[in-house]
Amino acid sequence: MKQTAGRLSGKRVLVTAAGRGIGRATALACAREGATVYATDLDANVLADLASDSISVATVDSTDETAVSAFARTAPTFDAVVHCVGIVQHGSVLDSNPADWQRAFNINVHSFYFLLRAVLPGMLEAGGGSITCISSVASSIMGIPNRASYGATKAAMIGLMKSVAADYVSKQIRCNAVCPGTI
């Protein structure tokens, strides 16, 4: 990956779920714009070809609070974080058994909560930062048929994002959500 002197030169950016999809595209785009990128994913195999002078990779289970905290303790303070961890489950509320429901919340919501608790102290100490979570149009924005647990968890992410934004805006922390449709 060729790093250029772009809009993110000198910035340290963490991208979770960077092995595929939106996370991978985000990690590569940030590196192209000059950032030093820290790319994490649960699957080491999908990270292997991302490693470069501008992208460091680490296998981290984002649903494990201890693992997330340990990673954050060994990493530098991030200027920006893009949280891309997520799972899409299909089905109505009657199709979603309690185990599926809990799994969706663990992956989509708890991982974001764990990440916030791990990176916010460093950002506060550094005097600011930017946090973006990838939510979905299937959330508090609109209901989508057969996406009960997905829509509920993505709406919860938006609620958490708004709370963090309100709580830390005076501390120069920005927290936003991107809500794409099907990618």
N, C-alpha and C. Protein backbone atom coordinates (compact mmCIF):
# COMPACT_ATOMS: atom_id res chain seq x y z
N MET A 1 0.84 -1.17 0.00
CA MET A 1 0.00 0.00 0.00
C MET A 1 0.88 1.23 0.00
N LYS A 2 0.70 2.07 -1.00
CA LYS A 2 1.47 3.29 -1.08
C LYS A 2 0.78 4.36 -0.24
N GLN A 3 1.52 4.92 0.69
CA GLN A 3 1.00 5.98 1.55
C GLN A 3 1.39 7.31 0.92
N THR A 4 0.44 8.24 0.88
CA THR A 4 0.71 9.55 0.32
C THR A 4 0.52 10.60 1.40
N ALA A 5 0.98 11.80 1.11
CA ALA A 5 0.77 12.93 2.02
C ALA A 5 -0.63 13.47 1.75
N GLY A 6 -1.61 12.89 2.41
CA GLY A 6 -2.99 13.28 2.18
C GLY A 6 -3.60 13.94 3.40
N ARG A 7 -4.91 14.00 3.39
CA ARG A 7 -5.66 14.67 4.45
C ARG A 7 -5.47 14.02 5.82
N LEU A 8 -5.01 12.79 5.86
CA LEU A 8 -4.84 12.09 7.13
C LEU A 8 -3.37 11.91 7.53
N SER A 9 -2.48 12.63 6.87
CA SER A 9 -1.06 12.52 7.19
C SER A 9 -0.83 12.80 8.67
N GLY A 10 -0.04 11.94 9.30
CA GLY A 10 0.28 12.11 10.70
C GLY A 10 -0.79 11.60 11.66
N LYS A 11 -1.91 11.10 11.15
CA LYS A 11 -3.00 10.61 12.00
C LYS A 11 -2.88 9.10 12.18
N ARG A 12 -3.29 8.67 13.36
CA ARG A 12 -3.35 7.23 13.68
C ARG A 12 -4.82 6.83 13.70
N VAL A 13 -5.16 5.87 12.84
CA VAL A 13 -6.56 5.47 12.67
C VAL A 13 -6.70 3.98 12.94
N LEU A 14 -7.63 3.64 13.82
CA LEU A 14 -7.98 2.25 14.08
C LEU A 14 -9.22 1.89 13.26
N VAL A 15 -9.14 0.79 12.53
CA VAL A 15 -10.29 0.28 11.78
C VAL A 15 -10.54 -1.15 12.24
N THR A 16 -11.72 -1.41 12.81
CA THR A 16 -12.08 -2.76 13.24
C THR A 16 -12.78 -3.49 12.09
N ALA A 17 -12.74 -4.81 12.13
CA ALA A 17 -13.30 -5.65 11.06
C ALA A 17 -12.73 -5.21 9.72
N ALA A 18 -11.42 -5.03 9.69
CA ALA A 18 -10.75 -4.49 8.51
C ALA A 18 -10.41 -5.54 7.46
N GLY A 19 -10.75 -6.78 7.70
CA GLY A 19 -10.38 -7.83 6.77
C GLY A 19 -11.23 -7.91 5.52
N ARG A 20 -12.44 -7.41 5.59
CA ARG A 20 -13.38 -7.54 4.46
C ARG A 20 -14.26 -6.29 4.35
N GLY A 21 -14.93 -6.19 3.24
CA GLY A 21 -16.01 -5.23 3.04
C GLY A 21 -15.68 -3.79 3.37
N ILE A 22 -16.60 -3.13 4.09
CA ILE A 22 -16.46 -1.72 4.42
C ILE A 22 -15.20 -1.49 5.25
N GLY A 23 -14.90 -2.39 6.17
CA GLY A 23 -13.71 -2.22 7.00
C GLY A 23 -12.44 -2.23 6.18
N ARG A 24 -12.34 -3.16 5.26
CA ARG A 24 -11.14 -3.26 4.40
C ARG A 24 -11.02 -2.01 3.53
N ALA A 25 -12.10 -1.60 2.91
CA ALA A 25 -12.08 -0.41 2.05
C ALA A 25 -11.70 0.82 2.86
N THR A 26 -12.18 0.90 4.10
CA THR A 26 -11.86 2.04 4.96
C THR A 26 -10.39 2.06 5.32
N ALA A 27 -9.85 0.91 5.71
CA ALA A 27 -8.43 0.82 6.06
C ALA A 27 -7.55 1.24 4.89
N LEU A 28 -7.86 0.73 3.71
CA LEU A 28 -7.06 1.07 2.52
C LEU A 28 -7.19 2.55 2.17
N ALA A 29 -8.39 3.10 2.26
CA ALA A 29 -8.60 4.52 1.95
C ALA A 29 -7.86 5.42 2.94
N CYS A 30 -7.90 5.07 4.22
CA CYS A 30 -7.18 5.87 5.22
C CYS A 30 -5.68 5.83 4.97
N ALA A 31 -5.16 4.67 4.63
CA ALA A 31 -3.73 4.56 4.33
C ALA A 31 -3.37 5.39 3.10
N ARG A 32 -4.21 5.33 2.06
CA ARG A 32 -3.96 6.14 0.86
C ARG A 32 -3.92 7.63 1.18
N GLU A 33 -4.69 8.04 2.18
CA GLU A 33 -4.74 9.45 2.57
C GLU A 33 -3.67 9.83 3.57
N GLY A 34 -2.73 8.91 3.83
CA GLY A 34 -1.57 9.23 4.63
C GLY A 34 -1.61 8.80 6.08
N ALA A 35 -2.70 8.19 6.53
CA ALA A 35 -2.80 7.76 7.93
C ALA A 35 -1.94 6.54 8.19
N THR A 36 -1.52 6.40 9.43
CA THR A 36 -0.97 5.15 9.91
C THR A 36 -2.17 4.38 10.43
N VAL A 37 -2.45 3.25 9.83
CA VAL A 37 -3.68 2.49 10.10
C VAL A 37 -3.36 1.27 10.96
N TYR A 38 -4.22 1.05 11.94
CA TYR A 38 -4.18 -0.14 12.77
C TYR A 38 -5.44 -0.92 12.43
N ALA A 39 -5.28 -2.03 11.76
CA ALA A 39 -6.39 -2.81 11.25
C ALA A 39 -6.57 -4.07 12.10
N THR A 40 -7.77 -4.26 12.63
CA THR A 40 -8.04 -5.46 13.42
C THR A 40 -9.16 -6.27 12.78
N ASP A 41 -9.13 -7.55 13.07
CA ASP A 41 -10.19 -8.44 12.62
C ASP A 41 -10.08 -9.71 13.46
N LEU A 42 -11.16 -10.45 13.51
CA LEU A 42 -11.18 -11.73 14.21
C LEU A 42 -10.40 -12.79 13.44
N ASP A 43 -10.34 -12.66 12.13
CA ASP A 43 -9.74 -13.64 11.24
C ASP A 43 -8.38 -13.15 10.73
N ALA A 44 -7.32 -13.73 11.25
CA ALA A 44 -5.96 -13.33 10.86
C ALA A 44 -5.72 -13.53 9.37
N ASN A 45 -6.35 -14.53 8.76
CA ASN A 45 -6.13 -14.82 7.35
C ASN A 45 -6.55 -13.68 6.44
N VAL A 46 -7.63 -12.97 6.79
CA VAL A 46 -8.11 -11.89 5.92
C VAL A 46 -7.33 -10.60 6.14
N LEU A 47 -6.51 -10.57 7.19
CA LEU A 47 -5.69 -9.39 7.46
C LEU A 47 -4.31 -9.48 6.83
N ALA A 48 -3.84 -10.69 6.58
CA ALA A 48 -2.46 -10.93 6.20
C ALA A 48 -1.99 -10.04 5.04
N ASP A 49 -2.78 -9.92 4.00
CA ASP A 49 -2.32 -9.15 2.84
C ASP A 49 -2.52 -7.64 3.00
N LEU A 50 -3.08 -7.19 4.13
CA LEU A 50 -3.20 -5.76 4.40
C LEU A 50 -1.93 -5.17 5.00
N ALA A 51 -1.15 -6.00 5.67
CA ALA A 51 0.04 -5.51 6.37
C ALA A 51 0.99 -4.82 5.40
N SER A 52 1.42 -3.63 5.79
CA SER A 52 2.34 -2.84 4.97
C SER A 52 3.03 -1.82 5.86
N ASP A 53 3.80 -0.94 5.24
CA ASP A 53 4.46 0.12 6.02
C ASP A 53 3.45 1.03 6.69
N SER A 54 2.28 1.20 6.10
CA SER A 54 1.29 2.13 6.65
C SER A 54 0.13 1.43 7.36
N ILE A 55 0.06 0.10 7.28
CA ILE A 55 -1.04 -0.63 7.93
C ILE A 55 -0.46 -1.74 8.81
N SER A 56 -0.70 -1.61 10.11
CA SER A 56 -0.37 -2.66 11.07
C SER A 56 -1.61 -3.50 11.29
N VAL A 57 -1.46 -4.79 11.40
CA VAL A 57 -2.61 -5.67 11.58
C VAL A 57 -2.52 -6.42 12.91
N ALA A 58 -3.69 -6.69 13.48
CA ALA A 58 -3.76 -7.45 14.72
C ALA A 58 -5.06 -8.23 14.76
N THR A 59 -4.96 -9.47 15.21
CA THR A 59 -6.15 -10.29 15.39
C THR A 59 -6.74 -9.97 16.76
N VAL A 60 -7.97 -9.48 16.75
CA VAL A 60 -8.65 -9.09 17.99
C VAL A 60 -10.11 -9.55 17.89
N ASP A 61 -10.58 -10.22 18.92
CA ASP A 61 -11.99 -10.58 19.01
C ASP A 61 -12.71 -9.40 19.64
N SER A 62 -13.42 -8.64 18.83
CA SER A 62 -14.09 -7.42 19.28
C SER A 62 -15.21 -7.67 20.26
N THR A 63 -15.63 -8.92 20.40
CA THR A 63 -16.69 -9.24 21.37
C THR A 63 -16.11 -9.64 22.73
N ASP A 64 -14.81 -9.61 22.84
CA ASP A 64 -14.12 -9.98 24.08
C ASP A 64 -13.54 -8.70 24.69
N GLU A 65 -14.19 -8.22 25.75
CA GLU A 65 -13.77 -6.96 26.37
C GLU A 65 -12.31 -6.99 26.80
N THR A 66 -11.85 -8.10 27.32
CA THR A 66 -10.46 -8.22 27.76
C THR A 66 -9.51 -8.09 26.58
N ALA A 67 -9.83 -8.73 25.46
CA ALA A 67 -8.99 -8.65 24.27
C ALA A 67 -8.95 -7.23 23.71
N VAL A 68 -10.09 -6.57 23.68
CA VAL A 68 -10.17 -5.19 23.16
C VAL A 68 -9.34 -4.26 24.05
N SER A 69 -9.50 -4.40 25.36
CA SER A 69 -8.75 -3.58 26.31
C SER A 69 -7.25 -3.82 26.19
N ALA A 70 -6.86 -5.08 26.07
CA ALA A 70 -5.44 -5.43 25.94
C ALA A 70 -4.85 -4.81 24.67
N PHE A 71 -5.57 -4.89 23.58
CA PHE A 71 -5.09 -4.29 22.33
C PHE A 71 -4.91 -2.78 22.51
N ALA A 72 -5.91 -2.12 23.09
CA ALA A 72 -5.85 -0.67 23.25
C ALA A 72 -4.70 -0.25 24.16
N ARG A 73 -4.40 -1.05 25.15
CA ARG A 73 -3.29 -0.72 26.06
C ARG A 73 -1.93 -0.79 25.36
N THR A 74 -1.81 -1.63 24.35
CA THR A 74 -0.52 -1.77 23.66
C THR A 74 -0.42 -0.88 22.42
N ALA A 75 -1.52 -0.30 22.01
CA ALA A 75 -1.55 0.55 20.82
C ALA A 75 -1.36 2.01 21.22
N PRO A 76 -0.99 2.84 20.25
CA PRO A 76 -0.90 4.27 20.56
C PRO A 76 -2.31 4.86 20.71
N THR A 77 -2.38 6.07 21.17
CA THR A 77 -3.67 6.76 21.19
C THR A 77 -4.08 7.02 19.74
N PHE A 78 -5.35 6.76 19.45
CA PHE A 78 -5.84 6.94 18.09
C PHE A 78 -6.44 8.33 17.91
N ASP A 79 -6.19 8.91 16.75
CA ASP A 79 -6.83 10.16 16.38
C ASP A 79 -8.25 9.89 15.89
N ALA A 80 -8.43 8.74 15.28
CA ALA A 80 -9.74 8.37 14.74
C ALA A 80 -9.93 6.86 14.85
N VAL A 81 -11.19 6.48 15.00
CA VAL A 81 -11.57 5.08 15.08
C VAL A 81 -12.77 4.88 14.17
N VAL A 82 -12.72 3.82 13.38
CA VAL A 82 -13.87 3.44 12.55
C VAL A 82 -14.23 2.01 12.93
N HIS A 83 -15.41 1.87 13.55
CA HIS A 83 -15.86 0.57 14.04
C HIS A 83 -16.78 -0.06 12.99
N CYS A 84 -16.28 -1.12 12.36
CA CYS A 84 -17.01 -1.77 11.26
C CYS A 84 -17.52 -3.16 11.62
N VAL A 85 -17.33 -3.59 12.85
CA VAL A 85 -17.75 -4.93 13.26
C VAL A 85 -19.27 -5.07 13.12
N GLY A 86 -19.72 -6.16 12.55
CA GLY A 86 -21.17 -6.37 12.45
C GLY A 86 -21.53 -7.70 11.84
N ILE A 87 -22.76 -8.08 12.12
CA ILE A 87 -23.33 -9.30 11.55
C ILE A 87 -24.76 -9.00 11.14
N VAL A 88 -25.16 -9.53 10.00
CA VAL A 88 -26.54 -9.41 9.54
C VAL A 88 -27.22 -10.75 9.78
N GLN A 89 -28.28 -10.72 10.56
CA GLN A 89 -29.08 -11.93 10.75
C GLN A 89 -30.43 -11.70 10.08
N HIS A 90 -30.90 -12.73 9.43
CA HIS A 90 -32.16 -12.66 8.71
C HIS A 90 -33.28 -13.23 9.58
N GLY A 91 -34.46 -12.67 9.43
CA GLY A 91 -35.62 -13.22 10.11
C GLY A 91 -36.40 -12.19 10.90
N SER A 92 -37.64 -12.52 11.14
CA SER A 92 -38.52 -11.68 11.96
C SER A 92 -38.21 -11.93 13.43
N VAL A 93 -38.90 -11.22 14.30
CA VAL A 93 -38.70 -11.42 15.73
C VAL A 93 -39.07 -12.85 16.14
N LEU A 94 -40.03 -13.45 15.46
CA LEU A 94 -40.42 -14.83 15.78
C LEU A 94 -39.40 -15.84 15.26
N ASP A 95 -38.63 -15.45 14.25
CA ASP A 95 -37.59 -16.33 13.72
C ASP A 95 -36.30 -16.28 14.53
N SER A 96 -36.13 -15.23 15.31
CA SER A 96 -34.90 -15.00 16.05
C SER A 96 -35.00 -15.62 17.43
N ASN A 97 -34.28 -16.73 17.63
CA ASN A 97 -34.30 -17.35 18.95
C ASN A 97 -33.41 -16.54 19.90
N PRO A 98 -33.54 -16.76 21.21
CA PRO A 98 -32.75 -15.98 22.16
C PRO A 98 -31.24 -16.04 21.93
N ALA A 99 -30.72 -17.16 21.51
CA ALA A 99 -29.28 -17.27 21.26
C ALA A 99 -28.87 -16.40 20.07
N ASP A 100 -29.66 -16.40 19.00
CA ASP A 100 -29.37 -15.55 17.84
C ASP A 100 -29.46 -14.08 18.22
N TRP A 101 -30.50 -13.74 19.00
CA TRP A 101 -30.70 -12.36 19.45
C TRP A 101 -29.47 -11.89 20.25
N GLN A 102 -29.02 -12.73 21.19
CA GLN A 102 -27.87 -12.37 22.01
C GLN A 102 -26.60 -12.26 21.17
N ARG A 103 -26.43 -13.16 20.22
CA ARG A 103 -25.26 -13.12 19.35
C ARG A 103 -25.22 -11.80 18.57
N ALA A 104 -26.37 -11.38 18.05
CA ALA A 104 -26.44 -10.12 17.31
C ALA A 104 -26.05 -8.94 18.20
N PHE A 105 -26.53 -8.93 19.44
CA PHE A 105 -26.17 -7.85 20.36
C PHE A 105 -24.70 -7.92 20.75
N ASN A 106 -24.17 -9.11 20.95
CA ASN A 106 -22.75 -9.24 21.28
C ASN A 106 -21.87 -8.68 20.18
N ILE A 107 -22.17 -9.04 18.96
CA ILE A 107 -21.33 -8.62 17.84
C ILE A 107 -21.57 -7.16 17.47
N ASN A 108 -22.81 -6.75 17.33
CA ASN A 108 -23.10 -5.42 16.82
C ASN A 108 -23.05 -4.31 17.87
N VAL A 109 -23.46 -4.59 19.08
CA VAL A 109 -23.55 -3.54 20.10
C VAL A 109 -22.44 -3.65 21.14
N HIS A 110 -22.29 -4.81 21.74
CA HIS A 110 -21.30 -4.93 22.81
C HIS A 110 -19.90 -4.64 22.31
N SER A 111 -19.58 -5.05 21.08
CA SER A 111 -18.25 -4.77 20.54
C SER A 111 -18.00 -3.27 20.45
N PHE A 112 -19.01 -2.50 20.09
CA PHE A 112 -18.88 -1.04 20.01
C PHE A 112 -18.69 -0.46 21.41
N TYR A 113 -19.46 -0.95 22.37
CA TYR A 113 -19.34 -0.51 23.76
C TYR A 113 -17.93 -0.79 24.30
N PHE A 114 -17.42 -2.01 24.07
CA PHE A 114 -16.08 -2.37 24.54
C PHE A 114 -15.02 -1.47 23.91
N LEU A 115 -15.17 -1.21 22.62
CA LEU A 115 -14.21 -0.36 21.92
C LEU A 115 -14.22 1.06 22.48
N LEU A 116 -15.41 1.61 22.69
CA LEU A 116 -15.51 2.96 23.24
C LEU A 116 -14.81 3.05 24.59
N ARG A 117 -15.06 2.09 25.44
CA ARG A 117 -14.45 2.11 26.78
C ARG A 117 -12.92 1.97 26.70
N ALA A 118 -12.43 1.33 25.65
CA ALA A 118 -10.98 1.13 25.50
C ALA A 118 -10.28 2.35 24.90
N VAL A 119 -10.92 3.05 23.96
CA VAL A 119 -10.23 4.14 23.25
C VAL A 119 -10.54 5.53 23.77
N LEU A 120 -11.69 5.72 24.39
CA LEU A 120 -12.05 7.07 24.84
C LEU A 120 -11.08 7.67 25.85
N PRO A 121 -10.59 6.92 26.85
CA PRO A 121 -9.65 7.55 27.79
C PRO A 121 -8.42 8.16 27.10
N GLY A 122 -7.85 7.46 26.14
CA GLY A 122 -6.70 8.00 25.41
C GLY A 122 -7.04 9.22 24.60
N MET A 123 -8.19 9.21 23.95
CA MET A 123 -8.62 10.37 23.18
C MET A 123 -8.86 11.58 24.09
N LEU A 124 -9.47 11.33 25.23
CA LEU A 124 -9.70 12.43 26.18
C LEU A 124 -8.38 13.01 26.67
N GLU A 125 -7.44 12.15 26.98
CA GLU A 125 -6.13 12.61 27.43
C GLU A 125 -5.40 13.39 26.34
N ALA A 126 -5.58 12.98 25.09
CA ALA A 126 -4.92 13.64 23.96
C ALA A 126 -5.62 14.93 23.55
N GLY A 127 -6.81 15.16 24.06
CA GLY A 127 -7.52 16.40 23.74
C GLY A 127 -8.52 16.30 22.61
N GLY A 128 -8.87 15.09 22.19
CA GLY A 128 -9.91 14.96 21.17
C GLY A 128 -9.71 13.76 20.28
N GLY A 129 -10.66 13.58 19.37
CA GLY A 129 -10.61 12.48 18.43
C GLY A 129 -11.93 12.32 17.72
N SER A 130 -11.95 11.40 16.80
CA SER A 130 -13.13 11.14 15.99
C SER A 130 -13.46 9.65 16.01
N ILE A 131 -14.72 9.34 16.28
CA ILE A 131 -15.19 7.95 16.32
C ILE A 131 -16.35 7.83 15.33
N THR A 132 -16.27 6.85 14.48
CA THR A 132 -17.35 6.57 13.54
C THR A 132 -17.73 5.11 13.66
N CYS A 133 -19.01 4.84 13.80
CA CYS A 133 -19.48 3.45 13.77
C CYS A 133 -20.26 3.24 12.49
N ILE A 134 -20.15 2.06 11.94
CA ILE A 134 -20.93 1.69 10.77
C ILE A 134 -22.20 1.03 11.29
N SER A 135 -23.30 1.75 11.17
CA SER A 135 -24.60 1.22 11.56
C SER A 135 -25.29 0.76 10.29
N SER A 136 -26.53 1.17 10.09
CA SER A 136 -27.26 0.73 8.91
C SER A 136 -28.52 1.56 8.74
N VAL A 137 -28.98 1.64 7.53
CA VAL A 137 -30.28 2.25 7.28
C VAL A 137 -31.37 1.41 7.95
N ALA A 138 -31.10 0.10 8.11
CA ALA A 138 -32.02 -0.80 8.82
C ALA A 138 -31.74 -0.65 10.31
N SER A 139 -32.34 0.37 10.90
CA SER A 139 -32.05 0.71 12.30
C SER A 139 -33.17 1.60 12.82
N SER A 140 -32.80 2.67 13.51
CA SER A 140 -33.80 3.64 13.93
C SER A 140 -34.24 4.49 12.74
N ILE A 141 -33.56 4.38 11.63
CA ILE A 141 -33.93 5.14 10.43
C ILE A 141 -35.16 4.53 9.77
N MET A 142 -35.15 3.21 9.61
CA MET A 142 -36.32 2.54 9.02
C MET A 142 -36.27 1.04 9.33
N GLY A 143 -37.44 0.44 9.34
CA GLY A 143 -37.54 -1.00 9.50
C GLY A 143 -37.41 -1.70 8.17
N ILE A 144 -36.76 -2.83 8.17
CA ILE A 144 -36.58 -3.64 6.96
C ILE A 144 -37.18 -5.01 7.26
N PRO A 145 -38.00 -5.56 6.36
CA PRO A 145 -38.57 -6.88 6.61
C PRO A 145 -37.49 -7.93 6.87
N ASN A 146 -37.77 -8.80 7.81
CA ASN A 146 -36.90 -9.93 8.14
C ASN A 146 -35.49 -9.53 8.60
N ARG A 147 -35.43 -8.45 9.34
CA ARG A 147 -34.15 -8.00 9.91
C ARG A 147 -34.37 -7.54 11.37
N ALA A 148 -35.15 -8.29 12.14
CA ALA A 148 -35.52 -7.88 13.50
C ALA A 148 -34.30 -7.66 14.39
N SER A 149 -33.45 -8.66 14.56
CA SER A 149 -32.31 -8.50 15.46
C SER A 149 -31.28 -7.53 14.88
N TYR A 150 -31.11 -7.56 13.59
CA TYR A 150 -30.16 -6.64 12.94
C TYR A 150 -30.61 -5.20 13.13
N GLY A 151 -31.86 -4.92 12.83
CA GLY A 151 -32.39 -3.56 12.98
C GLY A 151 -32.34 -3.07 14.42
N ALA A 152 -32.67 -3.95 15.35
CA ALA A 152 -32.63 -3.58 16.77
C ALA A 152 -31.21 -3.26 17.22
N THR A 153 -30.24 -4.06 16.79
CA THR A 153 -28.87 -3.82 17.23
C THR A 153 -28.26 -2.59 16.56
N LYS A 154 -28.58 -2.37 15.31
CA LYS A 154 -28.05 -1.18 14.64
C LYS A 154 -28.69 0.09 15.18
N ALA A 155 -29.94 0.01 15.60
CA ALA A 155 -30.58 1.16 16.27
C ALA A 155 -29.92 1.41 17.62
N ALA A 156 -29.57 0.35 18.34
CA ALA A 156 -28.88 0.50 19.62
C ALA A 156 -27.52 1.16 19.42
N MET A 157 -26.82 0.82 18.36
CA MET A 157 -25.54 1.46 18.06
C MET A 157 -25.72 2.95 17.87
N ILE A 158 -26.77 3.34 17.15
CA ILE A 158 -27.03 4.76 16.92
C ILE A 158 -27.32 5.46 18.24
N GLY A 159 -28.09 4.83 19.11
CA GLY A 159 -28.36 5.41 20.42
C GLY A 159 -27.09 5.61 21.23
N LEU A 160 -26.21 4.61 21.22
CA LEU A 160 -24.94 4.71 21.93
C LEU A 160 -24.06 5.80 21.32
N MET A 161 -24.02 5.85 20.01
CA MET A 161 -23.25 6.89 19.31
C MET A 161 -23.74 8.27 19.71
N LYS A 162 -25.05 8.49 19.74
CA LYS A 162 -25.59 9.80 20.11
C LYS A 162 -25.25 10.15 21.55
N SER A 163 -25.27 9.17 22.42
CA SER A 163 -24.92 9.40 23.82
C SER A 163 -23.46 9.83 23.95
N VAL A 164 -22.57 9.13 23.28
CA VAL A 164 -21.14 9.47 23.33
C VAL A 164 -20.93 10.86 22.72
N ALA A 165 -21.59 11.14 21.62
CA ALA A 165 -21.46 12.46 20.99
C ALA A 165 -21.88 13.56 21.96
N ALA A 166 -23.00 13.39 22.63
CA ALA A 166 -23.50 14.40 23.58
C ALA A 166 -22.60 14.51 24.81
N ASP A 167 -22.12 13.38 25.30
CA ASP A 167 -21.31 13.38 26.51
C ASP A 167 -19.92 13.99 26.31
N TYR A 168 -19.35 13.86 25.12
CA TYR A 168 -17.94 14.22 24.93
C TYR A 168 -17.69 15.33 23.91
N VAL A 169 -18.71 15.92 23.35
CA VAL A 169 -18.51 16.99 22.37
C VAL A 169 -17.71 18.14 22.96
N SER A 170 -17.94 18.46 24.22
CA SER A 170 -17.19 19.56 24.86
C SER A 170 -15.73 19.20 25.10
N LYS A 171 -15.39 17.94 24.95
CA LYS A 171 -14.01 17.45 25.11
C LYS A 171 -13.35 17.21 23.75
N GLN A 172 -13.94 17.74 22.71
CA GLN A 172 -13.40 17.63 21.34
C GLN A 172 -13.43 16.21 20.78
N ILE A 173 -14.38 15.41 21.27
CA ILE A 173 -14.58 14.06 20.73
C ILE A 173 -15.82 14.11 19.84
N ARG A 174 -15.65 13.73 18.59
CA ARG A 174 -16.79 13.62 17.68
C ARG A 174 -17.15 12.14 17.57
N CYS A 175 -18.43 11.85 17.58
CA CYS A 175 -18.88 10.47 17.42
C CYS A 175 -20.05 10.47 16.45
N ASN A 176 -19.92 9.74 15.38
CA ASN A 176 -20.92 9.73 14.31
C ASN A 176 -21.19 8.30 13.86
N ALA A 177 -22.26 8.14 13.11
CA ALA A 177 -22.59 6.86 12.50
C ALA A 177 -22.76 7.06 11.00
N VAL A 178 -22.35 6.06 10.26
CA VAL A 178 -22.63 5.98 8.84
C VAL A 178 -23.65 4.87 8.70
N CYS A 179 -24.71 5.12 7.95
CA CYS A 179 -25.83 4.17 7.87
C CYS A 179 -26.08 3.75 6.42
N PRO A 180 -25.22 2.86 5.89
CA PRO A 180 -25.41 2.43 4.51
C PRO A 180 -26.57 1.45 4.36
N GLY A 181 -27.00 1.29 3.14
CA GLY A 181 -27.94 0.23 2.79
C GLY A 181 -27.12 -1.02 2.48
N THR A 182 -27.69 -1.93 1.76
CA THR A 182 -27.01 -3.18 1.43
C THR A 182 -25.76 -2.90 0.61
N ILE A 183 -24.66 -3.49 1.04
CA ILE A 183 -23.36 -3.31 0.34
C ILE A 183 -22.95 -4.66 -0.21
